[in-house]
């Protein structure tokens, strides 16, 4: 999973990052831009980018293998 942290006091948001890195950037943002204010805001989460692409490639590879088997059986 990757996460994006939104500041609760301004329009700052982190890029999509691992949880620990996103939290670190949010804390650093609050320390620099909102000193004395505890970090807050929203946290978005999503699955990693490669999951859907990997599944699609696996299905395409299976389809190609099945087509090769069918072609070999016809001759």
PDB file of N, CA and C in Angstrom:
ATOM      1  N   UNK A   1       0.837  -1.174   0.000  1.00  0.00           N
ATOM      2  CA  UNK A   1       0.000   0.000   0.000  1.00  0.00           C
ATOM      3  C   UNK A   1       0.884   1.240   0.000  1.00  0.00           C
ATOM      4  N   UNK A   2       0.386   2.258  -0.630  1.00  0.00           N
ATOM      5  CA  UNK A   2       1.049   3.558  -0.592  1.00  0.00           C
ATOM      6  C   UNK A   2       0.060   4.574  -0.035  1.00  0.00           C
ATOM      7  N   UNK A   3       0.587   5.647   0.496  1.00  0.00           N
ATOM      8  CA  UNK A   3      -0.233   6.628   1.193  1.00  0.00           C
ATOM      9  C   UNK A   3       0.110   8.036   0.732  1.00  0.00           C
ATOM     10  N   UNK A   4      -0.895   8.933   0.851  1.00  0.00           N
ATOM     11  CA  UNK A   4      -0.682  10.354   0.596  1.00  0.00           C
ATOM     12  C   UNK A   4      -1.271  11.100   1.791  1.00  0.00           C
ATOM     13  N   UNK A   5      -0.452  11.941   2.389  1.00  0.00           N
ATOM     14  CA  UNK A   5      -0.854  12.697   3.575  1.00  0.00           C
ATOM     15  C   UNK A   5      -1.209  14.128   3.184  1.00  0.00           C
ATOM     16  N   UNK A   6      -2.357  14.587   3.636  1.00  0.00           N
ATOM     17  CA  UNK A   6      -2.828  15.955   3.375  1.00  0.00           C
ATOM     18  C   UNK A   6      -2.726  16.758   4.660  1.00  0.00           C
ATOM     19  N   UNK A   7      -2.225  17.973   4.547  1.00  0.00           N
ATOM     20  CA  UNK A   7      -2.157  18.877   5.685  1.00  0.00           C
ATOM     21  C   UNK A   7      -3.570  19.328   6.051  1.00  0.00           C
ATOM     22  N   UNK A   8      -3.838  19.433   7.359  1.00  0.00           N
ATOM     23  CA  UNK A   8      -5.138  19.905   7.814  1.00  0.00           C
ATOM     24  C   UNK A   8      -5.215  21.417   7.921  1.00  0.00           C
ATOM     25  N   UNK A   9      -4.086  22.108   7.687  1.00  0.00           N
ATOM     26  CA  UNK A   9      -4.054  23.555   7.865  1.00  0.00           C
ATOM     27  C   UNK A   9      -3.747  24.341   6.595  1.00  0.00           C
ATOM     28  N   UNK A  10      -3.330  23.644   5.528  1.00  0.00           N
ATOM     29  CA  UNK A  10      -3.066  24.310   4.257  1.00  0.00           C
ATOM     30  C   UNK A  10      -3.266  23.310   3.129  1.00  0.00           C
ATOM     31  N   UNK A  11      -2.861  23.619   1.933  1.00  0.00           N
ATOM     32  CA  UNK A  11      -3.108  22.746   0.783  1.00  0.00           C
ATOM     33  C   UNK A  11      -1.963  21.753   0.504  1.00  0.00           C
ATOM     34  N   UNK A  12      -1.002  21.643   1.409  1.00  0.00           N
ATOM     35  CA  UNK A  12       0.112  20.718   1.216  1.00  0.00           C
ATOM     36  C   UNK A  12      -0.373  19.275   1.202  1.00  0.00           C
ATOM     37  N   UNK A  13       0.224  18.472   0.324  1.00  0.00           N
ATOM     38  CA  UNK A  13       0.017  17.021   0.335  1.00  0.00           C
ATOM     39  C   UNK A  13       1.311  16.362  -0.104  1.00  0.00           C
ATOM     40  N   UNK A  14       1.562  15.180   0.431  1.00  0.00           N
ATOM     41  CA  UNK A  14       2.756  14.437   0.048  1.00  0.00           C
ATOM     42  C   UNK A  14       2.467  13.692  -1.251  1.00  0.00           C
ATOM     43  N   UNK A  15       3.506  13.278  -1.954  1.00  0.00           N
ATOM     44  CA  UNK A  15       3.274  12.353  -3.075  1.00  0.00           C
ATOM     45  C   UNK A  15       2.891  10.979  -2.500  1.00  0.00           C
ATOM     46  N   UNK A  16       2.515  10.053  -3.367  1.00  0.00           N
ATOM     47  CA  UNK A  16       2.208   8.688  -2.918  1.00  0.00           C
ATOM     48  C   UNK A  16       3.509   8.045  -2.445  1.00  0.00           C
ATOM     49  N   UNK A  17       3.525   7.643  -1.159  1.00  0.00           N
ATOM     50  CA  UNK A  17       4.738   7.104  -0.539  1.00  0.00           C
ATOM     51  C   UNK A  17       4.399   5.936   0.370  1.00  0.00           C
ATOM     52  N   UNK A  18       5.434   5.217   0.779  1.00  0.00           N
ATOM     53  CA  UNK A  18       5.259   4.218   1.829  1.00  0.00           C
ATOM     54  C   UNK A  18       4.823   4.951   3.101  1.00  0.00           C
ATOM     55  N   UNK A  19       4.145   4.239   3.988  1.00  0.00           N
ATOM     56  CA  UNK A  19       3.555   4.863   5.165  1.00  0.00           C
ATOM     57  C   UNK A  19       4.559   5.647   6.004  1.00  0.00           C
ATOM     58  N   UNK A  20       5.697   5.057   6.318  1.00  0.00           N
ATOM     59  CA  UNK A  20       6.666   5.729   7.195  1.00  0.00           C
ATOM     60  C   UNK A  20       7.237   6.993   6.550  1.00  0.00           C
ATOM     61  N   UNK A  21       7.493   6.947   5.234  1.00  0.00           N
ATOM     62  CA  UNK A  21       8.053   8.118   4.540  1.00  0.00           C
ATOM     63  C   UNK A  21       7.010   9.229   4.455  1.00  0.00           C
ATOM     64  N   UNK A  22       5.766   8.888   4.169  1.00  0.00           N
ATOM     65  CA  UNK A  22       4.706   9.903   4.109  1.00  0.00           C
ATOM     66  C   UNK A  22       4.497  10.583   5.446  1.00  0.00           C
ATOM     67  N   UNK A  23       4.483   9.786   6.503  1.00  0.00           N
ATOM     68  CA  UNK A  23       4.320  10.342   7.843  1.00  0.00           C
ATOM     69  C   UNK A  23       5.485  11.252   8.198  1.00  0.00           C
ATOM     70  N   UNK A  24       6.697  10.835   7.840  1.00  0.00           N
ATOM     71  CA  UNK A  24       7.885  11.666   8.113  1.00  0.00           C
ATOM     72  C   UNK A  24       7.778  13.011   7.403  1.00  0.00           C
ATOM     73  N   UNK A  25       7.361  12.991   6.131  1.00  0.00           N
ATOM     74  CA  UNK A  25       7.236  14.249   5.386  1.00  0.00           C
ATOM     75  C   UNK A  25       6.150  15.143   5.968  1.00  0.00           C
ATOM     76  N   UNK A  26       5.054  14.542   6.436  1.00  0.00           N
ATOM     77  CA  UNK A  26       3.992  15.342   7.037  1.00  0.00           C
ATOM     78  C   UNK A  26       4.488  16.007   8.321  1.00  0.00           C
ATOM     79  N   UNK A  27       5.206  15.255   9.135  1.00  0.00           N
ATOM     80  CA  UNK A  27       5.743  15.812  10.384  1.00  0.00           C
ATOM     81  C   UNK A  27       6.719  16.942  10.079  1.00  0.00           C
ATOM     82  N   UNK A  28       7.598  16.741   9.097  1.00  0.00           N
ATOM     83  CA  UNK A  28       8.552  17.795   8.719  1.00  0.00           C
ATOM     84  C   UNK A  28       7.817  19.032   8.190  1.00  0.00           C
ATOM     85  N   UNK A  29       6.747  18.828   7.427  1.00  0.00           N
ATOM     86  CA  UNK A  29       5.968  19.953   6.910  1.00  0.00           C
ATOM     87  C   UNK A  29       5.381  20.758   8.063  1.00  0.00           C
ATOM     88  N   UNK A  30       4.771  20.077   9.019  1.00  0.00           N
ATOM     89  CA  UNK A  30       4.180  20.794  10.150  1.00  0.00           C
ATOM     90  C   UNK A  30       5.236  21.533  10.960  1.00  0.00           C
ATOM     91  N   UNK A  31       6.393  20.920  11.155  1.00  0.00           N
ATOM     92  CA  UNK A  31       7.465  21.574  11.917  1.00  0.00           C
ATOM     93  C   UNK A  31       7.929  22.847  11.217  1.00  0.00           C
ATOM     94  N   UNK A  32       7.999  22.814   9.869  1.00  0.00           N
ATOM     95  CA  UNK A  32       8.495  23.971   9.117  1.00  0.00           C
ATOM     96  C   UNK A  32       7.411  25.025   8.888  1.00  0.00           C
ATOM     97  N   UNK A  33       6.208  24.616   8.577  1.00  0.00           N
ATOM     98  CA  UNK A  33       5.151  25.559   8.176  1.00  0.00           C
ATOM     99  C   UNK A  33       4.150  25.907   9.268  1.00  0.00           C
ATOM    100  N   UNK A  34       3.959  25.010  10.218  1.00  0.00           N
ATOM    101  CA  UNK A  34       2.963  25.223  11.275  1.00  0.00           C
ATOM    102  C   UNK A  34       3.563  24.861  12.627  1.00  0.00           C
ATOM    103  N   UNK A  35       4.648  25.541  13.040  1.00  0.00           N
ATOM    104  CA  UNK A  35       5.314  25.183  14.293  1.00  0.00           C
ATOM    105  C   UNK A  35       4.344  25.265  15.478  1.00  0.00           C
ATOM    106  N   UNK A  36       4.441  24.269  16.343  1.00  0.00           N
ATOM    107  CA  UNK A  36       3.588  24.236  17.526  1.00  0.00           C
ATOM    108  C   UNK A  36       2.224  23.603  17.293  1.00  0.00           C
ATOM    109  N   UNK A  37       1.889  23.323  16.043  1.00  0.00           N
ATOM    110  CA  UNK A  37       0.605  22.694  15.721  1.00  0.00           C
ATOM    111  C   UNK A  37       0.833  21.198  15.517  1.00  0.00           C
ATOM    112  N   UNK A  38       0.064  20.361  16.209  1.00  0.00           N
ATOM    113  CA  UNK A  38       0.244  18.928  15.987  1.00  0.00           C
ATOM    114  C   UNK A  38      -0.198  18.529  14.578  1.00  0.00           C
ATOM    115  N   UNK A  39       0.518  17.613  13.937  1.00  0.00           N
ATOM    116  CA  UNK A  39       0.133  17.192  12.586  1.00  0.00           C
ATOM    117  C   UNK A  39      -1.294  16.652  12.546  1.00  0.00           C
ATOM    118  N   UNK A  40      -1.983  17.007  11.498  1.00  0.00           N
ATOM    119  CA  UNK A  40      -3.353  16.550  11.300  1.00  0.00           C
ATOM    120  C   UNK A  40      -3.673  16.535   9.827  1.00  0.00           C
ATOM    121  N   UNK A  41      -4.925  16.323   9.516  1.00  0.00           N
ATOM    122  CA  UNK A  41      -5.337  16.285   8.119  1.00  0.00           C
ATOM    123  C   UNK A  41      -5.867  14.918   7.751  1.00  0.00           C
ATOM    124  N   UNK A  42      -5.799  14.595   6.472  1.00  0.00           N
ATOM    125  CA  UNK A  42      -6.337  13.335   5.979  1.00  0.00           C
ATOM    126  C   UNK A  42      -5.218  12.449   5.446  1.00  0.00           C
ATOM    127  N   UNK A  43      -5.499  11.155   5.428  1.00  0.00           N
ATOM    128  CA  UNK A  43      -4.569  10.185   4.859  1.00  0.00           C
ATOM    129  C   UNK A  43      -5.334   9.374   3.827  1.00  0.00           C
ATOM    130  N   UNK A  44      -4.810   9.354   2.601  1.00  0.00           N
ATOM    131  CA  UNK A  44      -5.381   8.524   1.537  1.00  0.00           C
ATOM    132  C   UNK A  44      -4.527   7.274   1.410  1.00  0.00           C
ATOM    133  N   UNK A  45      -5.134   6.175   1.034  1.00  0.00           N
ATOM    134  CA  UNK A  45      -4.361   4.960   0.789  1.00  0.00           C
ATOM    135  C   UNK A  45      -4.823   4.325  -0.515  1.00  0.00           C
ATOM    136  N   UNK A  46      -3.916   3.619  -1.144  1.00  0.00           N
ATOM    137  CA  UNK A  46      -4.236   2.855  -2.347  1.00  0.00           C
ATOM    138  C   UNK A  46      -3.216   1.743  -2.492  1.00  0.00           C
ATOM    139  N   UNK A  47      -3.585   0.780  -3.274  1.00  0.00           N
ATOM    140  CA  UNK A  47      -2.666  -0.331  -3.528  1.00  0.00           C
ATOM    141  C   UNK A  47      -1.534   0.183  -4.412  1.00  0.00           C
ATOM    142  N   UNK A  48      -0.414  -0.531  -4.413  1.00  0.00           N
ATOM    143  CA  UNK A  48       0.727  -0.158  -5.243  1.00  0.00           C
ATOM    144  C   UNK A  48       0.353  -0.118  -6.714  1.00  0.00           C
ATOM    145  N   UNK A  49       1.070   0.650  -7.487  1.00  0.00           N
ATOM    146  CA  UNK A  49       0.772   0.858  -8.907  1.00  0.00           C
ATOM    147  C   UNK A  49       0.926  -0.398  -9.750  1.00  0.00           C
ATOM    148  N   UNK A  50       1.827  -1.292  -9.406  1.00  0.00           N
ATOM    149  CA  UNK A  50       2.141  -2.410 -10.287  1.00  0.00           C
ATOM    150  C   UNK A  50       1.177  -3.581 -10.163  1.00  0.00           C
ATOM    151  N   UNK A  51       0.309  -3.615  -9.175  1.00  0.00           N
ATOM    152  CA  UNK A  51      -0.573  -4.753  -8.969  1.00  0.00           C
ATOM    153  C   UNK A  51      -1.489  -5.038 -10.136  1.00  0.00           C
ATOM    154  N   UNK A  52      -2.187  -4.046 -10.661  1.00  0.00           N
ATOM    155  CA  UNK A  52      -3.101  -4.254 -11.777  1.00  0.00           C
ATOM    156  C   UNK A  52      -2.381  -4.609 -13.059  1.00  0.00           C
ATOM    157  N   UNK A  53      -1.261  -3.983 -13.311  1.00  0.00           N
ATOM    158  CA  UNK A  53      -0.499  -4.256 -14.526  1.00  0.00           C
ATOM    159  C   UNK A  53       0.062  -5.676 -14.497  1.00  0.00           C
ATOM    160  N   UNK A  54       0.494  -6.124 -13.341  1.00  0.00           N
ATOM    161  CA  UNK A  54       1.046  -7.474 -13.217  1.00  0.00           C
ATOM    162  C   UNK A  54      -0.030  -8.518 -13.480  1.00  0.00           C
ATOM    163  N   UNK A  55      -1.216  -8.314 -12.946  1.00  0.00           N
ATOM    164  CA  UNK A  55      -2.313  -9.256 -13.163  1.00  0.00           C
ATOM    165  C   UNK A  55      -2.690  -9.311 -14.637  1.00  0.00           C
ATOM    166  N   UNK A  56      -2.700  -8.177 -15.301  1.00  0.00           N
ATOM    167  CA  UNK A  56      -3.030  -8.125 -16.726  1.00  0.00           C
ATOM    168  C   UNK A  56      -1.986  -8.873 -17.550  1.00  0.00           C
ATOM    169  N   UNK A  57      -0.731  -8.700 -17.230  1.00  0.00           N
ATOM    170  CA  UNK A  57       0.333  -9.408 -17.942  1.00  0.00           C
ATOM    171  C   UNK A  57       0.244 -10.915 -17.726  1.00  0.00           C
ATOM    172  N   UNK A  58      -0.108 -11.324 -16.530  1.00  0.00           N
ATOM    173  CA  UNK A  58      -0.251 -12.747 -16.250  1.00  0.00           C
ATOM    174  C   UNK A  58      -1.389 -13.348 -17.070  1.00  0.00           C
ATOM    175  N   UNK A  59      -2.513 -12.649 -17.150  1.00  0.00           N
ATOM    176  CA  UNK A  59      -3.635 -13.137 -17.958  1.00  0.00           C
ATOM    177  C   UNK A  59      -3.267 -13.221 -19.436  1.00  0.00           C
ATOM    178  N   UNK A  60      -2.539 -12.230 -19.929  1.00  0.00           N
ATOM    179  CA  UNK A  60      -2.121 -12.244 -21.332  1.00  0.00           C
ATOM    180  C   UNK A  60      -1.169 -13.418 -21.592  1.00  0.00           C
ATOM    181  N   UNK A  61      -0.269 -13.701 -20.674  1.00  0.00           N
ATOM    182  CA  UNK A  61       0.659 -14.820 -20.837  1.00  0.00           C
ATOM    183  C   UNK A  61      -0.089 -16.150 -20.843  1.00  0.00           C
ATOM    184  N   UNK A  62      -1.057 -16.300 -19.976  1.00  0.00           N
ATOM    185  CA  UNK A  62      -1.864 -17.529 -19.941  1.00  0.00           C
ATOM    186  C   UNK A  62      -2.626 -17.702 -21.245  1.00  0.00           C
ATOM    187  N   UNK A  63      -3.204 -16.611 -21.747  1.00  0.00           N
ATOM    188  CA  UNK A  63      -3.939 -16.675 -23.010  1.00  0.00           C
ATOM    189  C   UNK A  63      -3.023 -17.098 -24.159  1.00  0.00           C
ATOM    190  N   UNK A  64      -1.809 -16.566 -24.187  1.00  0.00           N
ATOM    191  CA  UNK A  64      -0.861 -16.942 -25.248  1.00  0.00           C
ATOM    192  C   UNK A  64      -0.469 -18.412 -25.170  1.00  0.00           C
ATOM    193  N   UNK A  65      -0.271 -18.920 -23.958  1.00  0.00           N
ATOM    194  CA  UNK A  65       0.081 -20.330 -23.786  1.00  0.00           C
ATOM    195  C   UNK A  65      -1.075 -21.214 -24.260  1.00  0.00           C
ATOM    196  N   UNK A  66      -2.295 -20.852 -23.888  1.00  0.00           N
ATOM    197  CA  UNK A  66      -3.462 -21.616 -24.333  1.00  0.00           C
ATOM    198  C   UNK A  66      -3.601 -21.595 -25.852  1.00  0.00           C
ATOM    199  N   UNK A  67      -3.367 -20.447 -26.462  1.00  0.00           N
ATOM    200  CA  UNK A  67      -3.426 -20.355 -27.928  1.00  0.00           C
ATOM    201  C   UNK A  67      -2.357 -21.232 -28.571  1.00  0.00           C
ATOM    202  N   UNK A  68      -1.167 -21.270 -27.999  1.00  0.00           N
ATOM    203  CA  UNK A  68      -0.083 -22.106 -28.532  1.00  0.00           C
ATOM    204  C   UNK A  68      -0.456 -23.576 -28.418  1.00  0.00           C
ATOM    205  N   UNK A  69      -1.062 -23.975 -27.305  1.00  0.00           N
ATOM    206  CA  UNK A  69      -1.486 -25.366 -27.140  1.00  0.00           C
ATOM    207  C   UNK A  69      -2.558 -25.730 -28.149  1.00  0.00           C
ATOM    208  N   UNK A  70      -3.537 -24.858 -28.317  1.00  0.00           N
ATOM    209  CA  UNK A  70      -4.599 -25.101 -29.306  1.00  0.00           C
ATOM    210  C   UNK A  70      -4.038 -25.210 -30.717  1.00  0.00           C
ATOM    211  N   UNK A  71      -3.113 -24.342 -31.047  1.00  0.00           N
ATOM    212  CA  UNK A  71      -2.506 -24.369 -32.399  1.00  0.00           C
ATOM    213  C   UNK A  71      -1.728 -25.669 -32.592  1.00  0.00           C
ATOM    214  N   UNK A  72      -1.020 -26.131 -31.573  1.00  0.00           N
ATOM    215  CA  UNK A  72      -0.244 -27.361 -31.689  1.00  0.00           C
ATOM    216  C   UNK A  72      -1.156 -28.578 -31.817  1.00  0.00           C
ATOM    217  N   UNK A  73      -2.302 -28.560 -31.177  1.00  0.00           N
ATOM    218  CA  UNK A  73      -3.227 -29.691 -31.211  1.00  0.00           C
ATOM    219  C   UNK A  73      -3.945 -29.801 -32.561  1.00  0.00           C
ATOM    220  N   UNK A  74      -4.085 -28.726 -33.262  1.00  0.00           N
ATOM    221  CA  UNK A  74      -4.803 -28.735 -34.545  1.00  0.00           C
ATOM    222  C   UNK A  74      -3.966 -29.332 -35.669  1.00  0.00           C
ATOM    223  N   UNK A  75      -2.673 -29.372 -35.527  1.00  0.00           N
ATOM    224  CA  UNK A  75      -1.797 -29.865 -36.608  1.00  0.00           C
ATOM    225  C   UNK A  75      -1.405 -31.261 -36.407  1.00  0.00           C
TER     226      UNK A  75
END
